[in-house]
Amino acid sequence: MAKRYPPEVREKALRLALDHLDEYSSAYAAAQAIGPMVDVHPETLRVWIVKAQSDPVRPQPREPGLASAERAELDRLRKENRDLKQANEILKLASAFFARELDPRHR
């Protein structure tokens, strides 16, 4: 029987994969790299990625009228923002883990 993932896990994994998709050669490579990090089977994540890419409701926004230098700067800033959000999320999870470990009621 297939494993069911909660909607919030699916959204988080898919968002992470789509944000970093440009760093990989294919949806398969992205799913193989990101799936284990978010505890989702890589094939399941790959199917989610393919469905999200073919979904007409999810347009790929492109800002008209930007020069190539502006486009490169915007892409660089978006990647930096994405990386910082990911680092913050990891730090939040780590602090919650260590707070639970240090809680005297936990033992």
C-alpha atoms as a PDB file:
ATOM      1  CA  MET A   1       0.000   0.000   0.000  1.00  0.00           C
ATOM      2  CA  ALA A   2       1.277   3.442  -0.897  1.00  0.00           C
ATOM      3  CA  LYS A   3       2.368   5.792   1.854  1.00  0.00           C
ATOM      4  CA  ARG A   4       0.141   8.843   2.282  1.00  0.00           C
ATOM      5  CA  TYR A   5       1.847  12.145   2.938  1.00  0.00           C
ATOM      6  CA  PRO A   6       0.107  14.966   4.805  1.00  0.00           C
ATOM      7  CA  PRO A   7      -0.719  17.970   2.589  1.00  0.00           C
ATOM      8  CA  GLU A   8       1.731  20.231   4.422  1.00  0.00           C
ATOM      9  CA  VAL A   9       4.585  17.770   3.807  1.00  0.00           C
ATOM     10  CA  ARG A  10       3.659  17.560   0.139  1.00  0.00           C
ATOM     11  CA  GLU A  11       3.497  21.354  -0.225  1.00  0.00           C
ATOM     12  CA  LYS A  12       6.807  21.868   1.565  1.00  0.00           C
ATOM     13  CA  ALA A  13       8.621  19.173  -0.434  1.00  0.00           C
ATOM     14  CA  LEU A  14       7.188  20.363  -3.737  1.00  0.00           C
ATOM     15  CA  ARG A  15       7.997  24.012  -3.010  1.00  0.00           C
ATOM     16  CA  LEU A  16      11.576  23.094  -2.105  1.00  0.00           C
ATOM     17  CA  ALA A  17      11.968  20.949  -5.221  1.00  0.00           C
ATOM     18  CA  LEU A  18      10.511  23.561  -7.566  1.00  0.00           C
ATOM     19  CA  ASP A  19      12.641  26.307  -6.013  1.00  0.00           C
ATOM     20  CA  HIS A  20      15.819  24.300  -6.583  1.00  0.00           C
ATOM     21  CA  LEU A  21      14.839  22.610  -9.853  1.00  0.00           C
ATOM     22  CA  ASP A  22      17.084  24.895 -11.906  1.00  0.00           C
ATOM     23  CA  GLU A  23      20.110  23.534 -10.022  1.00  0.00           C
ATOM     24  CA  TYR A  24      19.555  19.988 -11.342  1.00  0.00           C
ATOM     25  CA  SER A  25      19.598  18.487 -14.821  1.00  0.00           C
ATOM     26  CA  SER A  26      16.103  16.995 -14.536  1.00  0.00           C
ATOM     27  CA  ALA A  27      13.113  16.473 -12.270  1.00  0.00           C
ATOM     28  CA  TYR A  28      14.478  12.988 -11.567  1.00  0.00           C
ATOM     29  CA  ALA A  29      17.836  14.351 -10.362  1.00  0.00           C
ATOM     30  CA  ALA A  30      16.103  16.954  -8.193  1.00  0.00           C
ATOM     31  CA  ALA A  31      13.807  14.333  -6.660  1.00  0.00           C
ATOM     32  CA  GLN A  32      16.745  12.002  -5.958  1.00  0.00           C
ATOM     33  CA  ALA A  33      18.608  14.781  -4.142  1.00  0.00           C
ATOM     34  CA  ILE A  34      15.738  16.498  -2.309  1.00  0.00           C
ATOM     35  CA  GLY A  35      13.458  13.523  -1.551  1.00  0.00           C
ATOM     36  CA  PRO A  36      15.594  12.014   1.243  1.00  0.00           C
ATOM     37  CA  MET A  37      16.087  15.459   2.835  1.00  0.00           C
ATOM     38  CA  VAL A  38      12.335  15.911   3.296  1.00  0.00           C
ATOM     39  CA  ASP A  39      11.577  12.220   3.978  1.00  0.00           C
ATOM     40  CA  VAL A  40       9.580  11.736   0.768  1.00  0.00           C
ATOM     41  CA  HIS A  41      10.227   8.875  -1.637  1.00  0.00           C
ATOM     42  CA  PRO A  42      12.097  10.278  -4.661  1.00  0.00           C
ATOM     43  CA  GLU A  43       9.715   8.772  -7.221  1.00  0.00           C
ATOM     44  CA  THR A  44       6.727  10.269  -5.427  1.00  0.00           C
ATOM     45  CA  LEU A  45       8.403  13.672  -5.383  1.00  0.00           C
ATOM     46  CA  ARG A  46       9.293  13.351  -9.083  1.00  0.00           C
ATOM     47  CA  VAL A  47       5.637  12.674  -9.939  1.00  0.00           C
ATOM     48  CA  TRP A  48       4.582  15.727  -7.911  1.00  0.00           C
ATOM     49  CA  ILE A  49       7.154  17.861  -9.749  1.00  0.00           C
ATOM     50  CA  VAL A  50       6.019  16.681 -13.184  1.00  0.00           C
ATOM     51  CA  LYS A  51       2.354  17.323 -12.300  1.00  0.00           C
ATOM     52  CA  ALA A  52       3.164  20.792 -10.951  1.00  0.00           C
ATOM     53  CA  GLN A  53       5.107  21.676 -14.093  1.00  0.00           C
ATOM     54  CA  SER A  54       2.257  20.620 -16.384  1.00  0.00           C
ATOM     55  CA  ASP A  55      -0.411  22.339 -14.257  1.00  0.00           C
ATOM     56  CA  PRO A  56      -1.785  25.311 -16.250  1.00  0.00           C
ATOM     57  CA  VAL A  57      -2.923  27.015 -13.031  1.00  0.00           C
ATOM     58  CA  ARG A  58       0.726  27.456 -12.009  1.00  0.00           C
ATOM     59  CA  PRO A  59       2.069  30.046 -14.461  1.00  0.00           C
ATOM     60  CA  GLN A  60       5.790  30.627 -14.766  1.00  0.00           C
ATOM     61  CA  PRO A  61       6.042  34.385 -14.131  1.00  0.00           C
ATOM     62  CA  ARG A  62       8.529  36.408 -16.133  1.00  0.00           C
ATOM     63  CA  GLU A  63       8.779  40.139 -15.636  1.00  0.00           C
ATOM     64  CA  PRO A  64       8.615  41.973 -18.953  1.00  0.00           C
ATOM     65  CA  GLY A  65      11.016  44.748 -19.799  1.00  0.00           C
ATOM     66  CA  LEU A  66      13.978  43.706 -17.641  1.00  0.00           C
ATOM     67  CA  ALA A  67      17.453  43.985 -19.057  1.00  0.00           C
ATOM     68  CA  SER A  68      19.689  40.916 -18.924  1.00  0.00           C
ATOM     69  CA  ALA A  69      21.786  42.440 -16.105  1.00  0.00           C
ATOM     70  CA  GLU A  70      18.640  43.170 -14.100  1.00  0.00           C
ATOM     71  CA  ARG A  71      17.356  39.644 -14.794  1.00  0.00           C
ATOM     72  CA  ALA A  72      20.638  38.123 -13.584  1.00  0.00           C
ATOM     73  CA  GLU A  73      20.584  40.261 -10.423  1.00  0.00           C
ATOM     74  CA  LEU A  74      16.947  39.357  -9.747  1.00  0.00           C
ATOM     75  CA  ASP A  75      17.692  35.644 -10.211  1.00  0.00           C
ATOM     76  CA  ARG A  76      20.722  35.887  -7.903  1.00  0.00           C
ATOM     77  CA  LEU A  77      18.694  37.653  -5.210  1.00  0.00           C
ATOM     78  CA  ARG A  78      15.864  35.122  -5.474  1.00  0.00           C
ATOM     79  CA  LYS A  79      18.329  32.257  -5.082  1.00  0.00           C
ATOM     80  CA  GLU A  80      19.950  33.951  -2.077  1.00  0.00           C
ATOM     81  CA  ASN A  81      16.524  34.547  -0.527  1.00  0.00           C
ATOM     82  CA  ARG A  82      15.571  30.898  -1.122  1.00  0.00           C
ATOM     83  CA  ASP A  83      18.802  29.684   0.491  1.00  0.00           C
ATOM     84  CA  LEU A  84      18.332  31.928   3.522  1.00  0.00           C
ATOM     85  CA  LYS A  85      14.744  30.738   4.008  1.00  0.00           C
ATOM     86  CA  GLN A  86      15.936  27.131   3.838  1.00  0.00           C
ATOM     87  CA  ALA A  87      18.680  27.829   6.396  1.00  0.00           C
ATOM     88  CA  ASN A  88      16.159  29.487   8.718  1.00  0.00           C
ATOM     89  CA  GLU A  89      13.842  26.507   8.463  1.00  0.00           C
ATOM     90  CA  ILE A  90      16.684  24.121   9.316  1.00  0.00           C
ATOM     91  CA  LEU A  91      17.671  26.271  12.304  1.00  0.00           C
ATOM     92  CA  LYS A  92      14.061  26.348  13.553  1.00  0.00           C
ATOM     93  CA  LEU A  93      13.844  22.560  13.381  1.00  0.00           C
ATOM     94  CA  ALA A  94      17.201  22.154  15.132  1.00  0.00           C
ATOM     95  CA  SER A  95      16.298  24.561  17.926  1.00  0.00           C
ATOM     96  CA  ALA A  96      12.992  22.755  18.503  1.00  0.00           C
ATOM     97  CA  PHE A  97      14.841  19.429  18.611  1.00  0.00           C
ATOM     98  CA  PHE A  98      17.410  20.633  21.133  1.00  0.00           C
ATOM     99  CA  ALA A  99      14.798  22.403  23.256  1.00  0.00           C
ATOM    100  CA  ARG A 100      12.904  19.124  23.512  1.00  0.00           C
ATOM    101  CA  GLU A 101      16.089  17.246  24.401  1.00  0.00           C
ATOM    102  CA  LEU A 102      16.926  19.715  27.177  1.00  0.00           C
ATOM    103  CA  ASP A 103      13.397  19.706  28.607  1.00  0.00           C
ATOM    104  CA  PRO A 104      13.530  17.917  32.013  1.00  0.00           C
ATOM    105  CA  ARG A 105       9.954  16.667  31.552  1.00  0.00           C
ATOM    106  CA  HIS A 106      11.041  14.831  28.392  1.00  0.00           C
ATOM    107  CA  ARG A 107      13.207  12.313  30.273  1.00  0.00           C
END
